[in-house]
Amino acid sequence: MSELDAHLLIVDDDERIRDLLKKFLMRNGFLVTAARDAAHARRVLSGLDFDLIVLDVMMPGEDGVSLTKSLRQTHSTPIMLLTARGETEHRISGLEAGADDYLAKPFEPKELLLRINAILRRMPETTAQDTAPKILQLGPIRYDIERGEMWQGEELVRLTATESQLMKIFSAQPGEPVSRTKLVEDLGRDRGQAQERAVDVQITRLRRKIEPNPKQPRYLQTVRGAGYMLATD
């Protein structure tokens, strides 16, 4: 996907910030729609599809984390949270709810732009292939490597942009452990323990989608001292 044709939804109750973000992102080539709160965002989402949602956490009524958790039941659209809360536990709660990334206020607009572009680059490209697809079998789950799609029977398993990128990384070298540091780098994140902890959260979320018993993972295994490994059937 080219960033220049991406349609973003900005959700923030502060009109000044909402307008500034909209103008800045439009100047950088995005198509942008804005919503003033969660209820407004739901109405917009009922009629339009977006490539990414930039969502403020602290809003009156339904907050950004609750909205993220709710949207994840029906949408796989990437979500970036904006929050004035800098504490690790609040960042983690956002990731656990289904966000792909977070950015603490105040922030530099250029950093927001870089993070948005990084998320969009992680989205799987869908291209027509004449050759037979390569499939990884994970019990009842099958993962189409070329399409970046995961299926359980006839049902498509919804993956977030980060989960899609993790599957792409693991499926490139099944049976081989990938370190947390390498995962952080491949996901385009800054190095550090906080980001490694964020990767752990993403792994936990992904396990819920592919493991019969996420607490005793069979397919997405932890390799002590080496990281994580995808074990196929």
C-alpha atoms as a PDB file:
ATOM      1  CA  MET A   1       0.000   0.000   0.000  1.00  0.00           C
ATOM      2  CA  SER A   2       1.237   3.482  -0.788  1.00  0.00           C
ATOM      3  CA  GLU A   3       0.916   5.886   2.114  1.00  0.00           C
ATOM      4  CA  LEU A   4      -0.262   8.517  -0.362  1.00  0.00           C
ATOM      5  CA  ASP A   5      -3.580   6.786  -1.058  1.00  0.00           C
ATOM      6  CA  ALA A   6      -4.326   5.807   2.541  1.00  0.00           C
ATOM      7  CA  HIS A   7      -7.537   6.987   4.217  1.00  0.00           C
ATOM      8  CA  LEU A   8      -7.113   7.819   7.920  1.00  0.00           C
ATOM      9  CA  LEU A   9      -9.736   8.336  10.618  1.00  0.00           C
ATOM     10  CA  ILE A  10      -8.750  10.799  13.366  1.00  0.00           C
ATOM     11  CA  VAL A  11     -10.766  10.528  16.599  1.00  0.00           C
ATOM     12  CA  ASP A  12     -10.156  13.238  19.211  1.00  0.00           C
ATOM     13  CA  ASP A  13     -12.558  15.301  21.338  1.00  0.00           C
ATOM     14  CA  ASP A  14     -10.232  18.334  21.255  1.00  0.00           C
ATOM     15  CA  GLU A  15     -11.311  20.298  18.190  1.00  0.00           C
ATOM     16  CA  ARG A  16      -8.033  22.225  17.957  1.00  0.00           C
ATOM     17  CA  ILE A  17      -5.884  19.085  18.000  1.00  0.00           C
ATOM     18  CA  ARG A  18      -8.287  17.299  15.658  1.00  0.00           C
ATOM     19  CA  ASP A  19      -8.084  20.079  13.081  1.00  0.00           C
ATOM     20  CA  LEU A  20      -4.304  20.426  13.386  1.00  0.00           C
ATOM     21  CA  LEU A  21      -3.792  16.699  12.856  1.00  0.00           C
ATOM     22  CA  LYS A  22      -6.175  16.656   9.905  1.00  0.00           C
ATOM     23  CA  LYS A  23      -4.430  19.556   8.159  1.00  0.00           C
ATOM     24  CA  PHE A  24      -0.951  18.159   8.860  1.00  0.00           C
ATOM     25  CA  LEU A  25      -1.755  14.685   7.567  1.00  0.00           C
ATOM     26  CA  MET A  26      -3.572  15.998   4.508  1.00  0.00           C
ATOM     27  CA  ARG A  27      -0.501  18.107   3.667  1.00  0.00           C
ATOM     28  CA  ASN A  28       1.469  14.876   3.766  1.00  0.00           C
ATOM     29  CA  GLY A  29      -0.706  13.167   1.181  1.00  0.00           C
ATOM     30  CA  PHE A  30      -3.347  11.342   3.226  1.00  0.00           C
ATOM     31  CA  LEU A  31      -7.095  11.377   2.823  1.00  0.00           C
ATOM     32  CA  VAL A  32      -8.368  12.228   6.316  1.00  0.00           C
ATOM     33  CA  THR A  33     -11.756  12.006   8.036  1.00  0.00           C
ATOM     34  CA  ALA A  34     -12.228  13.292  11.598  1.00  0.00           C
ATOM     35  CA  ALA A  35     -14.597  12.253  14.402  1.00  0.00           C
ATOM     36  CA  ARG A  36     -15.171  14.083  17.703  1.00  0.00           C
ATOM     37  CA  ASP A  37     -15.811  11.063  19.952  1.00  0.00           C
ATOM     38  CA  ALA A  38     -16.376   7.302  20.005  1.00  0.00           C
ATOM     39  CA  ALA A  39     -20.058   7.532  19.064  1.00  0.00           C
ATOM     40  CA  HIS A  40     -19.258   9.753  16.084  1.00  0.00           C
ATOM     41  CA  ALA A  41     -16.451   7.380  15.071  1.00  0.00           C
ATOM     42  CA  ARG A  42     -18.843   4.407  15.119  1.00  0.00           C
ATOM     43  CA  ARG A  43     -21.246   6.217  12.799  1.00  0.00           C
ATOM     44  CA  VAL A  44     -18.433   7.057  10.379  1.00  0.00           C
ATOM     45  CA  LEU A  45     -17.079   3.497  10.480  1.00  0.00           C
ATOM     46  CA  SER A  46     -20.512   2.079   9.679  1.00  0.00           C
ATOM     47  CA  GLY A  47     -20.315   3.610   6.226  1.00  0.00           C
ATOM     48  CA  LEU A  48     -16.608   3.912   5.383  1.00  0.00           C
ATOM     49  CA  ASP A  49     -13.520   1.716   5.412  1.00  0.00           C
ATOM     50  CA  PHE A  50     -10.202   3.122   6.605  1.00  0.00           C
ATOM     51  CA  ASP A  51      -6.569   2.106   6.321  1.00  0.00           C
ATOM     52  CA  LEU A  52      -5.684   3.320   9.826  1.00  0.00           C
ATOM     53  CA  ILE A  53      -7.380   4.884  12.864  1.00  0.00           C
ATOM     54  CA  VAL A  54      -5.593   7.471  15.042  1.00  0.00           C
ATOM     55  CA  LEU A  55      -7.484   7.414  18.323  1.00  0.00           C
ATOM     56  CA  ASP A  56      -7.212   9.577  21.434  1.00  0.00           C
ATOM     57  CA  VAL A  57      -7.446   7.599  24.688  1.00  0.00           C
ATOM     58  CA  MET A  58      -8.925  10.243  26.994  1.00  0.00           C
ATOM     59  CA  MET A  59     -12.360  11.186  25.636  1.00  0.00           C
ATOM     60  CA  PRO A  60     -15.688  11.861  27.353  1.00  0.00           C
ATOM     61  CA  GLY A  61     -18.059   8.920  27.292  1.00  0.00           C
ATOM     62  CA  GLU A  62     -16.434   5.824  25.803  1.00  0.00           C
ATOM     63  CA  ASP A  63     -12.640   6.122  26.010  1.00  0.00           C
ATOM     64  CA  GLY A  64     -10.152   5.118  23.334  1.00  0.00           C
ATOM     65  CA  VAL A  65      -9.089   1.836  24.941  1.00  0.00           C
ATOM     66  CA  SER A  66     -12.706   0.656  25.272  1.00  0.00           C
ATOM     67  CA  LEU A  67     -13.444   1.662  21.691  1.00  0.00           C
ATOM     68  CA  THR A  68     -10.339  -0.188  20.495  1.00  0.00           C
ATOM     69  CA  LYS A  69     -11.383  -3.363  22.287  1.00  0.00           C
ATOM     70  CA  SER A  70     -14.873  -3.128  20.825  1.00  0.00           C
ATOM     71  CA  LEU A  71     -13.676  -2.435  17.279  1.00  0.00           C
ATOM     72  CA  ARG A  72     -11.339  -5.419  17.389  1.00  0.00           C
ATOM     73  CA  GLN A  73     -14.387  -7.712  17.460  1.00  0.00           C
ATOM     74  CA  THR A  74     -15.326  -6.689  13.919  1.00  0.00           C
ATOM     75  CA  HIS A  75     -12.440  -4.635  12.445  1.00  0.00           C
ATOM     76  CA  SER A  76      -8.809  -5.474  11.660  1.00  0.00           C
ATOM     77  CA  THR A  77      -7.999  -1.858  10.740  1.00  0.00           C
ATOM     78  CA  PRO A  78      -4.690  -0.739  12.332  1.00  0.00           C
ATOM     79  CA  ILE A  79      -5.178   1.500  15.379  1.00  0.00           C
ATOM     80  CA  MET A  80      -2.709   3.989  16.856  1.00  0.00           C
ATOM     81  CA  LEU A  81      -3.535   5.368  20.299  1.00  0.00           C
ATOM     82  CA  LEU A  82      -2.673   8.897  21.392  1.00  0.00           C
ATOM     83  CA  THR A  83      -2.412   9.252  25.147  1.00  0.00           C
ATOM     84  CA  ALA A  84      -1.214  11.735  27.730  1.00  0.00           C
ATOM     85  CA  ARG A  85      -0.649   8.801  30.058  1.00  0.00           C
ATOM     86  CA  GLY A  86       2.995   7.837  29.921  1.00  0.00           C
ATOM     87  CA  GLU A  87       2.907   4.969  32.402  1.00  0.00           C
ATOM     88  CA  THR A  88       3.787   1.552  31.028  1.00  0.00           C
ATOM     89  CA  GLU A  89       0.639  -0.125  32.365  1.00  0.00           C
ATOM     90  CA  HIS A  90      -1.591   2.246  30.395  1.00  0.00           C
ATOM     91  CA  ARG A  91       0.361   1.634  27.200  1.00  0.00           C
ATOM     92  CA  ILE A  92       0.140  -2.114  27.758  1.00  0.00           C
ATOM     93  CA  SER A  93      -3.618  -1.934  28.362  1.00  0.00           C
ATOM     94  CA  GLY A  94      -4.008  -0.240  24.999  1.00  0.00           C
ATOM     95  CA  LEU A  95      -1.968  -2.928  23.245  1.00  0.00           C
ATOM     96  CA  GLU A  96      -3.896  -5.665  25.032  1.00  0.00           C
ATOM     97  CA  ALA A  97      -7.128  -4.075  23.797  1.00  0.00           C
ATOM     98  CA  GLY A  98      -5.881  -4.478  20.235  1.00  0.00           C
ATOM     99  CA  ALA A  99      -3.946  -1.305  19.348  1.00  0.00           C
ATOM    100  CA  ASP A 100      -0.994  -1.656  16.993  1.00  0.00           C
ATOM    101  CA  ASP A 101       1.015   1.231  18.436  1.00  0.00           C
ATOM    102  CA  TYR A 102       0.773   4.156  20.830  1.00  0.00           C
ATOM    103  CA  LEU A 103       2.235   7.648  21.014  1.00  0.00           C
ATOM    104  CA  ALA A 104       2.362   9.708  24.196  1.00  0.00           C
ATOM    105  CA  LYS A 105       1.316  13.374  24.161  1.00  0.00           C
ATOM    106  CA  PRO A 106       2.872  15.790  23.572  1.00  0.00           C
ATOM    107  CA  PHE A 107       4.545  14.460  20.446  1.00  0.00           C
ATOM    108  CA  GLU A 108       6.271  15.786  17.361  1.00  0.00           C
ATOM    109  CA  PRO A 109       4.006  15.633  14.293  1.00  0.00           C
ATOM    110  CA  LYS A 110       6.894  14.138  12.301  1.00  0.00           C
ATOM    111  CA  GLU A 111       7.086  11.199  14.728  1.00  0.00           C
ATOM    112  CA  LEU A 112       3.365  10.561  14.272  1.00  0.00           C
ATOM    113  CA  LEU A 113       3.887  10.609  10.499  1.00  0.00           C
ATOM    114  CA  LEU A 114       6.793   8.148  10.707  1.00  0.00           C
ATOM    115  CA  ARG A 115       4.810   5.755  12.903  1.00  0.00           C
ATOM    116  CA  ILE A 116       1.749   5.904  10.651  1.00  0.00           C
ATOM    117  CA  ASN A 117       3.871   5.139   7.594  1.00  0.00           C
ATOM    118  CA  ALA A 118       5.590   2.273   9.443  1.00  0.00           C
ATOM    119  CA  ILE A 119       2.219   0.693  10.298  1.00  0.00           C
ATOM    120  CA  LEU A 120       0.954   1.065   6.722  1.00  0.00           C
ATOM    121  CA  ARG A 121       4.097  -0.588   5.373  1.00  0.00           C
ATOM    122  CA  ARG A 122       3.411  -3.571   7.640  1.00  0.00           C
ATOM    123  CA  MET A 123       0.003  -4.169   6.072  1.00  0.00           C
ATOM    124  CA  PRO A 124       0.085  -7.268   3.835  1.00  0.00           C
ATOM    125  CA  GLU A 125      -0.162  -6.678   0.111  1.00  0.00           C
ATOM    126  CA  THR A 126      -2.800  -8.714  -1.693  1.00  0.00           C
ATOM    127  CA  THR A 127      -1.722  -9.762  -5.185  1.00  0.00           C
ATOM    128  CA  ALA A 128      -3.059 -12.326  -7.600  1.00  0.00           C
ATOM    129  CA  GLN A 129      -0.839 -15.368  -7.933  1.00  0.00           C
ATOM    130  CA  ASP A 130      -1.011 -18.044 -10.627  1.00  0.00           C
ATOM    131  CA  THR A 131       1.011 -20.495  -8.575  1.00  0.00           C
ATOM    132  CA  ALA A 132      -0.456 -22.576  -5.763  1.00  0.00           C
ATOM    133  CA  PRO A 133      -0.370 -20.741  -2.400  1.00  0.00           C
ATOM    134  CA  LYS A 134       2.060 -21.790   0.267  1.00  0.00           C
ATOM    135  CA  ILE A 135       0.183 -22.888   3.372  1.00  0.00           C
ATOM    136  CA  LEU A 136       1.351 -23.421   6.937  1.00  0.00           C
ATOM    137  CA  GLN A 137      -0.839 -25.780   8.956  1.00  0.00           C
ATOM    138  CA  LEU A 138      -1.272 -25.017  12.661  1.00  0.00           C
ATOM    139  CA  GLY A 139      -3.769 -27.633  13.789  1.00  0.00           C
ATOM    140  CA  PRO A 140      -7.201 -26.417  12.625  1.00  0.00           C
ATOM    141  CA  ILE A 141      -5.628 -23.114  11.563  1.00  0.00           C
ATOM    142  CA  ARG A 142      -4.053 -22.648   8.149  1.00  0.00           C
ATOM    143  CA  TYR A 143      -1.949 -19.635   7.193  1.00  0.00           C
ATOM    144  CA  ASP A 144      -1.585 -18.563   3.570  1.00  0.00           C
ATOM    145  CA  ILE A 145       1.932 -17.109   3.403  1.00  0.00           C
ATOM    146  CA  GLU A 146       1.542 -15.371   0.039  1.00  0.00           C
ATOM    147  CA  ARG A 147      -1.777 -13.715   0.833  1.00  0.00           C
ATOM    148  CA  GLY A 148      -0.996 -13.073   4.491  1.00  0.00           C
ATOM    149  CA  GLU A 149      -4.352 -14.643   5.417  1.00  0.00           C
ATOM    150  CA  MET A 150      -5.247 -16.936   8.295  1.00  0.00           C
ATOM    151  CA  TRP A 151      -8.218 -19.296   8.111  1.00  0.00           C
ATOM    152  CA  GLN A 152     -10.032 -21.606  10.501  1.00  0.00           C
ATOM    153  CA  GLY A 153     -12.172 -23.827   8.328  1.00  0.00           C
ATOM    154  CA  GLU A 154     -14.075 -21.490   6.008  1.00  0.00           C
ATOM    155  CA  GLU A 155     -13.810 -18.551   8.411  1.00  0.00           C
ATOM    156  CA  LEU A 156     -11.188 -15.846   7.920  1.00  0.00           C
ATOM    157  CA  VAL A 157      -9.336 -15.058  11.161  1.00  0.00           C
ATOM    158  CA  ARG A 158      -8.987 -11.307  11.542  1.00  0.00           C
ATOM    159  CA  LEU A 159      -5.390 -10.191  12.124  1.00  0.00           C
ATOM    160  CA  THR A 160      -4.219  -6.717  13.048  1.00  0.00           C
ATOM    161  CA  ALA A 161      -1.390  -5.144  11.035  1.00  0.00           C
ATOM    162  CA  THR A 162       1.107  -6.052  13.759  1.00  0.00           C
ATOM    163  CA  GLU A 163      -0.166  -9.629  14.004  1.00  0.00           C
ATOM    164  CA  SER A 164       0.090  -9.950  10.211  1.00  0.00           C
ATOM    165  CA  GLN A 165       3.680  -8.754  10.316  1.00  0.00           C
ATOM    166  CA  LEU A 166       4.526 -11.174  13.131  1.00  0.00           C
ATOM    167  CA  MET A 167       3.106 -14.085  11.127  1.00  0.00           C
ATOM    168  CA  LYS A 168       5.095 -12.945   8.107  1.00  0.00           C
ATOM    169  CA  ILE A 169       8.287 -12.899  10.189  1.00  0.00           C
ATOM    170  CA  PHE A 170       7.692 -16.310  11.776  1.00  0.00           C
ATOM    171  CA  SER A 171       6.481 -18.003   8.579  1.00  0.00           C
ATOM    172  CA  ALA A 172       9.683 -16.957   6.809  1.00  0.00           C
ATOM    173  CA  GLN A 173      11.644 -19.242   9.147  1.00  0.00           C
ATOM    174  CA  PRO A 174       9.349 -21.832  10.766  1.00  0.00           C
ATOM    175  CA  GLY A 175      11.041 -24.011  13.346  1.00  0.00           C
ATOM    176  CA  GLU A 176      13.711 -21.391  14.026  1.00  0.00           C
ATOM    177  CA  PRO A 177      13.603 -19.110  17.086  1.00  0.00           C
ATOM    178  CA  VAL A 178      13.418 -15.353  16.569  1.00  0.00           C
ATOM    179  CA  SER A 179      14.730 -13.139  19.370  1.00  0.00           C
ATOM    180  CA  ARG A 180      12.592 -10.428  20.935  1.00  0.00           C
ATOM    181  CA  THR A 181      15.216  -7.862  19.879  1.00  0.00           C
ATOM    182  CA  LYS A 182      14.962  -9.014  16.254  1.00  0.00           C
ATOM    183  CA  LEU A 183      11.160  -8.872  16.398  1.00  0.00           C
ATOM    184  CA  VAL A 184      11.305  -5.301  17.709  1.00  0.00           C
ATOM    185  CA  GLU A 185      13.627  -4.335  14.842  1.00  0.00           C
ATOM    186  CA  ASP A 186      11.548  -6.085  12.170  1.00  0.00           C
ATOM    187  CA  LEU A 187       8.392  -4.396  13.446  1.00  0.00           C
ATOM    188  CA  GLY A 188      10.078  -1.026  12.992  1.00  0.00           C
ATOM    189  CA  ARG A 189      10.046  -0.127  16.681  1.00  0.00           C
ATOM    190  CA  ASP A 190      12.693   1.621  18.756  1.00  0.00           C
ATOM    191  CA  ARG A 191      14.860  -0.678  20.801  1.00  0.00           C
ATOM    192  CA  GLY A 192      14.338  -1.033  24.537  1.00  0.00           C
ATOM    193  CA  GLN A 193      12.741  -3.140  27.233  1.00  0.00           C
ATOM    194  CA  ALA A 194       9.391  -1.343  26.894  1.00  0.00           C
ATOM    195  CA  GLN A 195       9.161  -2.326  23.230  1.00  0.00           C
ATOM    196  CA  GLU A 196      10.210  -5.902  23.983  1.00  0.00           C
ATOM    197  CA  ARG A 197       7.409  -6.024  26.571  1.00  0.00           C
ATOM    198  CA  ALA A 198       5.049  -4.677  23.893  1.00  0.00           C
ATOM    199  CA  VAL A 199       6.110  -7.540  21.606  1.00  0.00           C
ATOM    200  CA  ASP A 200       5.273 -10.002  24.402  1.00  0.00           C
ATOM    201  CA  VAL A 201       1.761  -8.525  24.529  1.00  0.00           C
ATOM    202  CA  GLN A 202       1.368  -8.896  20.763  1.00  0.00           C
ATOM    203  CA  ILE A 203       2.542 -12.524  20.982  1.00  0.00           C
ATOM    204  CA  THR A 204      -0.051 -13.199  23.699  1.00  0.00           C
ATOM    205  CA  ARG A 205      -2.791 -11.732  21.498  1.00  0.00           C
ATOM    206  CA  LEU A 206      -1.663 -13.770  18.491  1.00  0.00           C
ATOM    207  CA  ARG A 207      -1.622 -16.967  20.552  1.00  0.00           C
ATOM    208  CA  ARG A 208      -5.276 -16.443  21.430  1.00  0.00           C
ATOM    209  CA  LYS A 209      -6.062 -16.711  17.729  1.00  0.00           C
ATOM    210  CA  ILE A 210      -3.978 -19.762  16.821  1.00  0.00           C
ATOM    211  CA  GLU A 211      -3.611 -21.870  19.976  1.00  0.00           C
ATOM    212  CA  PRO A 212      -6.162 -24.364  21.339  1.00  0.00           C
ATOM    213  CA  ASN A 213      -4.763 -23.487  24.778  1.00  0.00           C
ATOM    214  CA  PRO A 214      -2.896 -20.148  24.711  1.00  0.00           C
ATOM    215  CA  LYS A 215      -1.466 -20.787  28.194  1.00  0.00           C
ATOM    216  CA  GLN A 216       0.224 -23.935  26.887  1.00  0.00           C
ATOM    217  CA  PRO A 217       1.245 -22.892  23.359  1.00  0.00           C
ATOM    218  CA  ARG A 218       1.811 -25.671  20.858  1.00  0.00           C
ATOM    219  CA  TYR A 219       2.509 -23.626  17.739  1.00  0.00           C
ATOM    220  CA  LEU A 220       3.866 -20.244  18.825  1.00  0.00           C
ATOM    221  CA  GLN A 221       6.402 -21.466  21.343  1.00  0.00           C
ATOM    222  CA  THR A 222       8.671 -19.640  23.764  1.00  0.00           C
ATOM    223  CA  VAL A 223      12.266 -20.795  23.401  1.00  0.00           C
ATOM    224  CA  ARG A 224      14.086 -20.050  26.642  1.00  0.00           C
ATOM    225  CA  GLY A 225      16.940 -17.619  26.079  1.00  0.00           C
ATOM    226  CA  ALA A 226      16.281 -17.440  22.330  1.00  0.00           C
ATOM    227  CA  GLY A 227      12.879 -15.792  21.816  1.00  0.00           C
ATOM    228  CA  TYR A 228       9.820 -17.203  20.045  1.00  0.00           C
ATOM    229  CA  MET A 229       9.409 -19.899  17.394  1.00  0.00           C
ATOM    230  CA  LEU A 230       6.595 -20.974  15.079  1.00  0.00           C
ATOM    231  CA  ALA A 231       6.217 -24.765  15.102  1.00  0.00           C
ATOM    232  CA  THR A 232       3.999 -26.138  12.307  1.00  0.00           C
ATOM    233  CA  ASP A 233       2.285 -29.517  11.861  1.00  0.00           C
END
